[in-house]
Amino acid sequence: MSTTILVVDDEPAIVDVLTYNLEKAHYRVVVARDGEEALNQARRERPDLIILDLMLPGMDGLEVCRQIRREGDLPIIMLTARDEEIDRVVGLELGADDYVVKPFSVRELMARVKTVLRRVSGTPSASEPILSVNLLTLDRERHEAHWDGILFSLSALEFELLHTFMLHTGQVLSREQLLYLVWGYDYTGDLRVVDTAVKRLRSKMKSVDAAFADLLITVRGVGYKLSDRD
């Protein structure tokens, strides 16, 4: 079955460019030109990835992102304008996986698409499929995470981030290292994509057990680490 990507944008030129390049890469493309249509298409098609412009007629992209996140963990790459820094931060906090600034390089966007889809597909890594730290167990093949026997839900990005911390337990990882290890490409944008992803992961951990969240430590001025101490 073809990988389906939902493109949400009201600019015909951008829709045409994205559709052409995505179909050329053998993806199935579905298009929505406003927020309401985006939600309907997302619910009907259950795409593997959504490329979502924030500036939409009617319901804006942030509200679309907010509602999609209430219903599930479909991966989202935001398209934003250069002067929308606040919206980018809010979008990332709402759960978007990444963002690309307009005007964008098609090559850069396609690289981001491949990275997010690789993460979602759960491509096997060279590490052992099951990792354990403290009361935490991560099964990469089943894409399951348990804390003290309790199964909890993570998005593909959050799962990959937690997996990376577990592989480097006790080691402080800088934001640049996390970008390379988790996002998988030379990132030229805002390091806050890491901060917001860690913030969302820690929130998920806290919803399971406050002691669990306490294991993910911020080392000010350096980065983050996962502690294996009780």
Protein backbone atom coordinates (compact mmCIF):
# COMPACT_ATOMS: atom_id res chain seq x y z
CA MET A 1 0.00 0.00 0.00
CA SER A 2 1.32 3.46 -0.92
CA THR A 3 2.36 5.88 1.78
CA THR A 4 -0.27 8.62 1.94
CA ILE A 5 0.62 12.26 2.60
CA LEU A 6 -2.03 14.91 3.23
CA VAL A 7 -0.99 18.34 1.92
CA VAL A 8 -2.91 21.20 3.53
CA ASP A 9 -2.35 24.57 1.85
CA ASP A 10 -4.53 27.15 0.08
CA GLU A 11 -1.81 28.37 -2.30
CA PRO A 12 -2.22 26.55 -5.66
CA ALA A 13 1.45 26.99 -6.61
CA ILE A 14 2.67 25.34 -3.40
CA VAL A 15 0.11 22.54 -3.68
CA ASP A 16 1.23 21.88 -7.25
CA VAL A 17 4.93 21.82 -6.34
CA LEU A 18 4.40 19.55 -3.36
CA THR A 19 2.06 17.20 -5.21
CA TYR A 20 4.45 16.89 -8.16
CA ASN A 21 7.51 16.13 -6.03
CA LEU A 22 5.76 13.82 -3.59
CA GLU A 23 4.11 11.80 -6.36
CA LYS A 24 7.45 11.67 -8.18
CA ALA A 25 8.83 10.04 -5.01
CA HIS A 26 5.96 7.50 -5.21
CA TYR A 27 3.85 8.87 -2.37
CA ARG A 28 0.07 9.03 -2.63
CA VAL A 29 -1.02 12.65 -2.17
CA VAL A 30 -4.33 13.92 -0.78
CA VAL A 31 -4.99 17.67 -0.78
CA ALA A 32 -7.01 19.93 1.52
CA ARG A 33 -7.26 23.69 1.03
CA ASP A 34 -8.73 24.80 4.37
CA GLY A 35 -8.87 23.68 7.98
CA GLU A 36 -12.24 21.96 7.93
CA GLU A 37 -11.36 19.97 4.84
CA ALA A 38 -8.02 19.06 6.43
CA LEU A 39 -9.74 17.55 9.47
CA ASN A 40 -12.21 15.66 7.29
CA GLN A 41 -9.45 14.28 5.08
CA ALA A 42 -7.30 13.34 8.07
CA ARG A 43 -10.18 11.39 9.62
CA ARG A 44 -11.20 9.73 6.37
CA GLU A 45 -7.78 8.96 4.87
CA ARG A 46 -5.69 8.39 8.01
CA PRO A 47 -2.57 9.61 6.18
CA ASP A 48 0.93 8.58 7.18
CA LEU A 49 2.00 12.23 7.33
CA ILE A 50 0.41 15.69 7.17
CA ILE A 51 2.16 18.71 5.64
CA LEU A 52 0.23 21.56 7.21
CA ASP A 53 0.36 25.26 6.38
CA LEU A 54 -0.40 27.43 9.40
CA MET A 55 -2.01 30.24 7.41
CA LEU A 56 -5.33 28.81 6.21
CA PRO A 57 -8.71 30.37 5.49
CA GLY A 58 -11.24 29.83 8.25
CA MET A 59 -9.78 27.45 10.83
CA ASP A 60 -6.04 28.10 10.98
CA GLY A 61 -3.30 25.49 11.02
CA LEU A 62 -2.70 25.73 14.76
CA GLU A 63 -6.30 24.79 15.49
CA VAL A 64 -6.08 21.96 12.95
CA CYS A 65 -2.93 20.71 14.69
CA ARG A 66 -4.61 21.00 18.10
CA GLN A 67 -7.63 18.95 17.02
CA ILE A 68 -5.56 16.31 15.25
CA ARG A 69 -3.46 15.87 18.38
CA ARG A 70 -6.61 15.39 20.48
CA GLU A 71 -7.58 12.50 18.23
CA GLY A 72 -4.24 10.78 17.71
CA ASP A 73 -0.57 10.98 16.84
CA LEU A 74 -0.49 11.53 13.08
CA PRO A 75 2.91 13.03 12.22
CA ILE A 76 2.77 16.71 11.20
CA ILE A 77 5.28 18.91 9.39
CA MET A 78 4.26 22.57 9.57
CA LEU A 79 4.79 25.11 6.82
CA THR A 80 5.31 28.59 8.25
CA ALA A 81 6.27 32.07 7.06
CA ARG A 82 9.49 33.70 8.24
CA ASP A 83 7.70 36.14 10.55
CA GLU A 84 5.64 33.49 12.35
CA GLU A 85 8.16 32.58 15.06
CA ILE A 86 5.54 32.54 17.83
CA ASP A 87 3.25 30.31 15.78
CA ARG A 88 6.13 27.91 15.14
CA VAL A 89 6.80 27.59 18.85
CA VAL A 90 3.10 27.10 19.62
CA GLY A 91 2.78 24.54 16.84
CA LEU A 92 5.71 22.54 18.16
CA GLU A 93 4.26 22.67 21.67
CA LEU A 94 0.95 21.42 20.30
CA GLY A 95 2.73 18.36 18.95
CA ALA A 96 3.96 19.09 15.44
CA ASP A 97 6.96 16.92 14.59
CA ASP A 98 8.88 19.48 12.56
CA TYR A 99 8.54 22.69 10.58
CA VAL A 100 9.79 24.15 7.31
CA VAL A 101 9.91 27.90 6.67
CA LYS A 102 8.50 29.41 3.47
CA PRO A 103 9.92 29.94 0.94
CA PHE A 104 11.39 26.48 1.32
CA SER A 105 13.76 24.25 -0.57
CA VAL A 106 11.93 21.26 -2.05
CA ARG A 107 15.01 19.16 -1.40
CA GLU A 108 14.99 20.16 2.27
CA LEU A 109 11.29 19.42 2.64
CA MET A 110 11.64 16.00 0.99
CA ALA A 111 14.49 15.20 3.39
CA ARG A 112 12.25 16.12 6.33
CA VAL A 113 9.43 13.97 4.91
CA LYS A 114 11.72 10.95 4.60
CA THR A 115 13.04 11.46 8.12
CA VAL A 116 9.59 11.64 9.71
CA LEU A 117 8.31 8.65 7.74
CA ARG A 118 11.38 6.61 8.67
CA ARG A 119 10.68 7.38 12.31
CA VAL A 120 7.01 6.42 11.97
CA SER A 121 7.80 3.16 10.19
CA GLY A 122 9.94 2.07 13.12
CA THR A 123 12.88 1.09 10.95
CA PRO A 124 14.89 -1.42 13.02
CA SER A 125 18.08 -0.08 14.54
CA ALA A 126 21.32 -1.87 15.22
CA SER A 127 20.58 -1.84 18.93
CA GLU A 128 18.76 -4.53 20.84
CA PRO A 129 14.99 -4.41 20.20
CA ILE A 130 14.16 -4.31 23.94
CA LEU A 131 15.81 -1.83 26.28
CA SER A 132 15.32 -1.46 30.04
CA VAL A 133 16.31 1.37 32.35
CA ASN A 134 15.08 1.51 35.95
CA LEU A 135 11.35 0.59 35.71
CA LEU A 136 11.20 1.62 32.05
CA THR A 137 11.06 -0.92 29.22
CA LEU A 138 11.01 -0.03 25.53
CA ASP A 139 10.17 -2.61 22.87
CA ARG A 140 11.20 -1.17 19.51
CA GLU A 141 9.71 -3.96 17.40
CA ARG A 142 6.29 -3.66 19.04
CA HIS A 143 6.64 0.13 19.41
CA GLU A 144 5.57 -0.19 23.04
CA ALA A 145 6.77 1.58 26.18
CA HIS A 146 6.07 0.40 29.74
CA TRP A 147 6.80 2.04 33.08
CA ASP A 148 6.54 -0.37 36.02
CA GLY A 149 4.41 -2.63 33.83
CA ILE A 150 2.08 0.18 32.72
CA LEU A 151 1.76 0.66 28.96
CA PHE A 152 1.72 4.31 27.90
CA SER A 153 1.28 6.05 24.56
CA LEU A 154 4.00 7.99 22.72
CA SER A 155 4.07 9.59 19.31
CA ALA A 156 6.71 8.31 16.88
CA LEU A 157 8.92 11.32 17.65
CA GLU A 158 8.55 10.93 21.41
CA PHE A 159 9.26 7.20 21.14
CA GLU A 160 12.42 7.83 19.10
CA LEU A 161 13.56 10.52 21.53
CA LEU A 162 13.07 8.27 24.56
CA HIS A 163 14.82 5.40 22.75
CA THR A 164 17.80 7.68 22.09
CA PHE A 165 18.00 8.73 25.74
CA MET A 166 17.87 5.07 26.81
CA LEU A 167 20.71 4.18 24.44
CA HIS A 168 22.77 6.91 26.13
CA THR A 169 21.56 6.51 29.72
CA GLY A 170 23.49 8.74 32.11
CA GLN A 171 25.13 10.65 29.26
CA VAL A 172 24.34 14.32 28.72
CA LEU A 173 23.24 14.88 25.13
CA SER A 174 23.40 18.37 23.67
CA ARG A 175 20.57 19.72 21.54
CA GLU A 176 22.80 19.41 18.49
CA GLN A 177 23.51 15.75 19.27
CA LEU A 178 19.81 15.05 19.74
CA LEU A 179 19.00 16.71 16.41
CA TYR A 180 21.52 14.48 14.69
CA LEU A 181 20.49 11.28 16.49
CA VAL A 182 16.70 11.74 16.43
CA TRP A 183 15.92 14.01 13.49
CA GLY A 184 18.66 12.43 11.42
CA TYR A 185 19.83 15.33 9.29
CA ASP A 186 21.88 18.50 9.55
CA TYR A 187 19.28 20.83 10.98
CA THR A 188 19.62 24.50 10.11
CA GLY A 189 16.61 25.75 12.04
CA ASP A 190 15.63 26.46 15.61
CA LEU A 191 17.03 24.29 18.42
CA ARG A 192 13.69 24.74 20.18
CA VAL A 193 12.38 21.77 18.22
CA VAL A 194 14.42 19.72 20.71
CA ASP A 195 13.26 21.67 23.75
CA THR A 196 9.59 21.35 22.85
CA ALA A 197 9.93 17.65 22.02
CA VAL A 198 11.62 17.00 25.37
CA LYS A 199 8.93 19.05 27.10
CA ARG A 200 6.18 16.94 25.50
CA LEU A 201 8.00 13.71 26.34
CA ARG A 202 8.46 14.75 29.96
CA SER A 203 4.75 15.64 30.17
CA LYS A 204 3.84 12.14 28.93
CA MET A 205 6.22 10.62 31.49
CA LYS A 206 4.72 12.74 34.29
CA SER A 207 1.20 11.62 33.37
CA VAL A 208 2.33 8.07 34.15
CA ASP A 209 4.41 8.76 37.27
CA ALA A 210 6.10 11.92 38.56
CA ALA A 211 9.11 9.81 39.56
CA PHE A 212 9.39 8.69 35.96
CA ALA A 213 9.51 12.27 34.67
CA ASP A 214 12.18 13.12 37.25
CA LEU A 215 14.57 10.74 35.45
CA LEU A 216 14.71 13.07 32.42
CA ILE A 217 17.08 15.74 33.63
CA THR A 218 17.86 19.15 32.16
CA VAL A 219 21.54 20.02 32.46
CA ARG A 220 21.47 23.78 32.09
CA GLY A 221 23.68 25.16 29.37
CA VAL A 222 24.53 21.68 28.12
CA GLY A 223 21.51 19.54 27.24
CA TYR A 224 19.51 16.63 28.64
CA LYS A 225 20.12 13.20 30.07
CA LEU A 226 18.16 10.17 31.26
CA SER A 227 19.21 9.03 34.73
CA ASP A 228 19.11 5.36 35.76
CA ARG A 229 19.11 6.21 39.46
CA ASP A 230 16.14 5.40 41.67
